[in-house]
Amino acid sequence: MVTRMALYEHVFIARQDLSNAQAEGLIEHFGQVLSDQGGKVVGTEYWGLKTMAYKINKNRKGHYAFVRSDAPSDAVHEMERLMRLHDDVMRVMTIKVDGHEEGPSVVLQAKAAKDERGRGRDRGDRGDRGDRGDRPRRD
């Protein structure tokens, strides 16, 4: 029986008390699981520690990771099963896609644009801060 390869995008959230290196290690670990099952990791991104909309397992923040893969469905099911059993992984979402986008994901593009806007910005003269020297003091 020949299993057909399909394209997937996976996003998972790891616990906030992990270090960045440990979170990136999880990406490598689950990528290796896919490879061992006959799949291929096309690309990975570490999105960083982000605040979540609501608490998950008493965590307010989580390390977000993104993986693009070309793998048979059995390999994806096995990776998802192991992710759900892993103590450090809080949420998993896998989506089957028709094709992978070239370049960085929308999340990294937005992060880069935000960093570019904030860097080197001239704030100009903010004006008088309301120096209280000319007002009578209340004692």
C-alpha atoms as a PDB file:
ATOM      1  CA  MET A   1       0.000   0.000   0.000  1.00  0.00           C
ATOM      2  CA  VAL A   2       1.384   3.388  -1.014  1.00  0.00           C
ATOM      3  CA  THR A   3       0.648   6.308   1.299  1.00  0.00           C
ATOM      4  CA  ARG A   4       0.275   9.600  -0.471  1.00  0.00           C
ATOM      5  CA  MET A   5       2.220  12.566   0.853  1.00  0.00           C
ATOM      6  CA  ALA A   6       0.288  15.700   1.678  1.00  0.00           C
ATOM      7  CA  LEU A   7       1.232  19.215   2.769  1.00  0.00           C
ATOM      8  CA  TYR A   8       0.469  20.272   6.347  1.00  0.00           C
ATOM      9  CA  GLU A   9       0.989  23.254   8.603  1.00  0.00           C
ATOM     10  CA  HIS A  10       1.249  22.635  12.345  1.00  0.00           C
ATOM     11  CA  VAL A  11       1.110  25.185  15.165  1.00  0.00           C
ATOM     12  CA  PHE A  12       1.695  24.184  18.741  1.00  0.00           C
ATOM     13  CA  ILE A  13       1.936  26.019  22.039  1.00  0.00           C
ATOM     14  CA  ALA A  14       4.427  24.938  24.687  1.00  0.00           C
ATOM     15  CA  ARG A  15       4.417  25.874  28.380  1.00  0.00           C
ATOM     16  CA  GLN A  16       5.659  29.327  29.365  1.00  0.00           C
ATOM     17  CA  ASP A  17       8.248  28.107  31.880  1.00  0.00           C
ATOM     18  CA  LEU A  18      10.388  26.494  29.161  1.00  0.00           C
ATOM     19  CA  SER A  19      13.447  28.335  27.901  1.00  0.00           C
ATOM     20  CA  ASN A  20      13.596  29.456  24.270  1.00  0.00           C
ATOM     21  CA  ALA A  21      16.162  26.724  23.583  1.00  0.00           C
ATOM     22  CA  GLN A  22      13.900  24.056  25.076  1.00  0.00           C
ATOM     23  CA  ALA A  23      10.946  25.291  22.998  1.00  0.00           C
ATOM     24  CA  GLU A  24      13.063  25.193  19.832  1.00  0.00           C
ATOM     25  CA  GLY A  25      14.221  21.719  20.866  1.00  0.00           C
ATOM     26  CA  LEU A  26      10.592  20.593  20.808  1.00  0.00           C
ATOM     27  CA  ILE A  27      10.341  21.772  17.192  1.00  0.00           C
ATOM     28  CA  GLU A  28      13.376  19.646  16.287  1.00  0.00           C
ATOM     29  CA  HIS A  29      12.068  16.667  18.270  1.00  0.00           C
ATOM     30  CA  PHE A  30       8.669  16.600  16.570  1.00  0.00           C
ATOM     31  CA  GLY A  31      10.279  17.265  13.190  1.00  0.00           C
ATOM     32  CA  GLN A  32      12.396  14.162  13.782  1.00  0.00           C
ATOM     33  CA  VAL A  33       9.232  12.190  14.594  1.00  0.00           C
ATOM     34  CA  LEU A  34       7.839  13.185  11.197  1.00  0.00           C
ATOM     35  CA  SER A  35      11.081  12.221   9.455  1.00  0.00           C
ATOM     36  CA  ASP A  36      11.197   8.845  11.208  1.00  0.00           C
ATOM     37  CA  GLN A  37       7.664   8.133   9.943  1.00  0.00           C
ATOM     38  CA  GLY A  38       8.565   8.894   6.312  1.00  0.00           C
ATOM     39  CA  GLY A  39       7.658  12.582   6.255  1.00  0.00           C
ATOM     40  CA  LYS A  40       9.724  15.663   5.573  1.00  0.00           C
ATOM     41  CA  VAL A  41       9.884  18.987   7.411  1.00  0.00           C
ATOM     42  CA  VAL A  42       9.773  21.776   4.825  1.00  0.00           C
ATOM     43  CA  GLY A  43      10.296  24.656   7.267  1.00  0.00           C
ATOM     44  CA  THR A  44      10.044  25.663  10.902  1.00  0.00           C
ATOM     45  CA  GLU A  45       9.548  28.946  12.732  1.00  0.00           C
ATOM     46  CA  TYR A  46       9.738  29.820  16.388  1.00  0.00           C
ATOM     47  CA  TRP A  47       7.277  32.656  16.989  1.00  0.00           C
ATOM     48  CA  GLY A  48       8.342  33.326  20.562  1.00  0.00           C
ATOM     49  CA  LEU A  49       6.681  33.668  23.929  1.00  0.00           C
ATOM     50  CA  LYS A  50       3.268  35.268  23.455  1.00  0.00           C
ATOM     51  CA  THR A  51       0.400  36.179  25.740  1.00  0.00           C
ATOM     52  CA  MET A  52      -2.631  33.992  25.125  1.00  0.00           C
ATOM     53  CA  ALA A  53      -6.240  35.178  25.012  1.00  0.00           C
ATOM     54  CA  TYR A  54      -7.143  32.949  27.954  1.00  0.00           C
ATOM     55  CA  LYS A  55      -5.350  30.748  30.472  1.00  0.00           C
ATOM     56  CA  ILE A  56      -4.529  27.189  29.499  1.00  0.00           C
ATOM     57  CA  ASN A  57      -3.480  24.874  32.355  1.00  0.00           C
ATOM     58  CA  LYS A  58      -2.866  27.938  34.571  1.00  0.00           C
ATOM     59  CA  ASN A  59      -0.512  29.450  31.965  1.00  0.00           C
ATOM     60  CA  ARG A  60      -1.098  32.989  30.706  1.00  0.00           C
ATOM     61  CA  LYS A  61       1.688  32.811  28.085  1.00  0.00           C
ATOM     62  CA  GLY A  62       3.070  30.161  25.777  1.00  0.00           C
ATOM     63  CA  HIS A  63       5.890  29.461  23.325  1.00  0.00           C
ATOM     64  CA  TYR A  64       4.401  29.345  19.823  1.00  0.00           C
ATOM     65  CA  ALA A  65       5.964  27.201  17.097  1.00  0.00           C
ATOM     66  CA  PHE A  66       5.094  26.671  13.443  1.00  0.00           C
ATOM     67  CA  VAL A  67       6.090  23.686  11.287  1.00  0.00           C
ATOM     68  CA  ARG A  68       5.493  23.131   7.572  1.00  0.00           C
ATOM     69  CA  SER A  69       5.611  19.489   6.501  1.00  0.00           C
ATOM     70  CA  ASP A  70       5.208  17.163   3.559  1.00  0.00           C
ATOM     71  CA  ALA A  71       4.204  13.881   5.156  1.00  0.00           C
ATOM     72  CA  PRO A  72       1.841  10.914   4.961  1.00  0.00           C
ATOM     73  CA  SER A  73      -1.209  11.150   7.179  1.00  0.00           C
ATOM     74  CA  ASP A  74       0.044   8.303   9.397  1.00  0.00           C
ATOM     75  CA  ALA A  75       3.161  10.310  10.253  1.00  0.00           C
ATOM     76  CA  VAL A  76       1.062  13.377  11.093  1.00  0.00           C
ATOM     77  CA  HIS A  77      -1.265  11.341  13.306  1.00  0.00           C
ATOM     78  CA  GLU A  78       1.705   9.870  15.167  1.00  0.00           C
ATOM     79  CA  MET A  79       3.296  13.284  15.677  1.00  0.00           C
ATOM     80  CA  GLU A  80       0.001  14.739  16.943  1.00  0.00           C
ATOM     81  CA  ARG A  81      -0.466  11.777  19.286  1.00  0.00           C
ATOM     82  CA  LEU A  82       3.007  12.300  20.763  1.00  0.00           C
ATOM     83  CA  MET A  83       2.427  16.052  21.056  1.00  0.00           C
ATOM     84  CA  ARG A  84      -0.809  15.507  22.981  1.00  0.00           C
ATOM     85  CA  LEU A  85       0.981  13.119  25.351  1.00  0.00           C
ATOM     86  CA  HIS A  86       3.944  15.458  25.884  1.00  0.00           C
ATOM     87  CA  ASP A  87       3.729  17.364  29.183  1.00  0.00           C
ATOM     88  CA  ASP A  88       5.252  20.563  27.756  1.00  0.00           C
ATOM     89  CA  VAL A  89       2.807  20.912  24.819  1.00  0.00           C
ATOM     90  CA  MET A  90      -0.487  22.605  25.721  1.00  0.00           C
ATOM     91  CA  ARG A  91      -2.230  22.906  22.335  1.00  0.00           C
ATOM     92  CA  VAL A  92      -1.779  21.477  18.838  1.00  0.00           C
ATOM     93  CA  MET A  93      -3.405  22.466  15.558  1.00  0.00           C
ATOM     94  CA  THR A  94      -2.732  20.842  12.196  1.00  0.00           C
ATOM     95  CA  ILE A  95      -4.140  22.047   8.892  1.00  0.00           C
ATOM     96  CA  LYS A  96      -3.855  20.328   5.524  1.00  0.00           C
ATOM     97  CA  VAL A  97      -2.955  22.874   2.836  1.00  0.00           C
ATOM     98  CA  ASP A  98      -2.831  22.842  -0.955  1.00  0.00           C
ATOM     99  CA  GLY A  99       0.583  24.505  -1.058  1.00  0.00           C
ATOM    100  CA  HIS A 100       3.162  26.123   1.186  1.00  0.00           C
ATOM    101  CA  GLU A 101       3.722  29.863   0.989  1.00  0.00           C
ATOM    102  CA  GLU A 102       7.228  31.005   0.120  1.00  0.00           C
ATOM    103  CA  GLY A 103       9.147  33.020   2.685  1.00  0.00           C
ATOM    104  CA  PRO A 104       8.272  33.751   6.289  1.00  0.00           C
ATOM    105  CA  SER A 105       4.782  33.279   7.682  1.00  0.00           C
ATOM    106  CA  VAL A 106       2.380  36.165   8.198  1.00  0.00           C
ATOM    107  CA  VAL A 107       3.175  36.149  11.922  1.00  0.00           C
ATOM    108  CA  LEU A 108       6.901  36.698  11.321  1.00  0.00           C
ATOM    109  CA  GLN A 109       6.182  39.307   8.645  1.00  0.00           C
ATOM    110  CA  ALA A 110       4.023  41.258  11.107  1.00  0.00           C
ATOM    111  CA  LYS A 111       6.672  40.939  13.808  1.00  0.00           C
ATOM    112  CA  ALA A 112       9.361  42.229  11.420  1.00  0.00           C
ATOM    113  CA  ALA A 113       7.163  45.159  10.347  1.00  0.00           C
ATOM    114  CA  LYS A 114       6.473  46.041  13.979  1.00  0.00           C
ATOM    115  CA  ASP A 115      10.183  45.915  14.809  1.00  0.00           C
ATOM    116  CA  GLU A 116      10.982  48.094  11.787  1.00  0.00           C
ATOM    117  CA  ARG A 117       8.391  50.710  12.773  1.00  0.00           C
ATOM    118  CA  GLY A 118       9.660  50.871  16.331  1.00  0.00           C
ATOM    119  CA  ARG A 119      13.358  51.038  15.486  1.00  0.00           C
ATOM    120  CA  GLY A 120      14.926  54.442  14.942  1.00  0.00           C
ATOM    121  CA  ARG A 121      11.652  56.295  15.103  1.00  0.00           C
ATOM    122  CA  ASP A 122      12.035  59.990  15.746  1.00  0.00           C
ATOM    123  CA  ARG A 123       9.547  60.902  18.407  1.00  0.00           C
ATOM    124  CA  GLY A 124      10.014  64.603  17.772  1.00  0.00           C
ATOM    125  CA  ASP A 125       9.453  67.312  20.329  1.00  0.00           C
ATOM    126  CA  ARG A 126       6.795  66.145  22.721  1.00  0.00           C
ATOM    127  CA  GLY A 127       6.201  69.631  23.942  1.00  0.00           C
ATOM    128  CA  ASP A 128       5.966  71.017  27.430  1.00  0.00           C
ATOM    129  CA  ARG A 129       5.327  68.351  30.030  1.00  0.00           C
ATOM    130  CA  GLY A 130       3.446  70.772  32.176  1.00  0.00           C
ATOM    131  CA  ASP A 131       6.265  71.962  34.383  1.00  0.00           C
ATOM    132  CA  ARG A 132       4.570  72.708  37.653  1.00  0.00           C
ATOM    133  CA  GLY A 133       6.993  75.567  38.451  1.00  0.00           C
ATOM    134  CA  ASP A 134       4.557  78.287  37.379  1.00  0.00           C
ATOM    135  CA  ARG A 135       1.588  76.942  39.347  1.00  0.00           C
ATOM    136  CA  PRO A 136       1.009  77.721  42.971  1.00  0.00           C
ATOM    137  CA  ARG A 137       1.730  74.752  45.213  1.00  0.00           C
ATOM    138  CA  ARG A 138      -0.962  73.252  47.304  1.00  0.00           C
ATOM    139  CA  ASP A 139       0.260  72.667  50.830  1.00  0.00           C
END
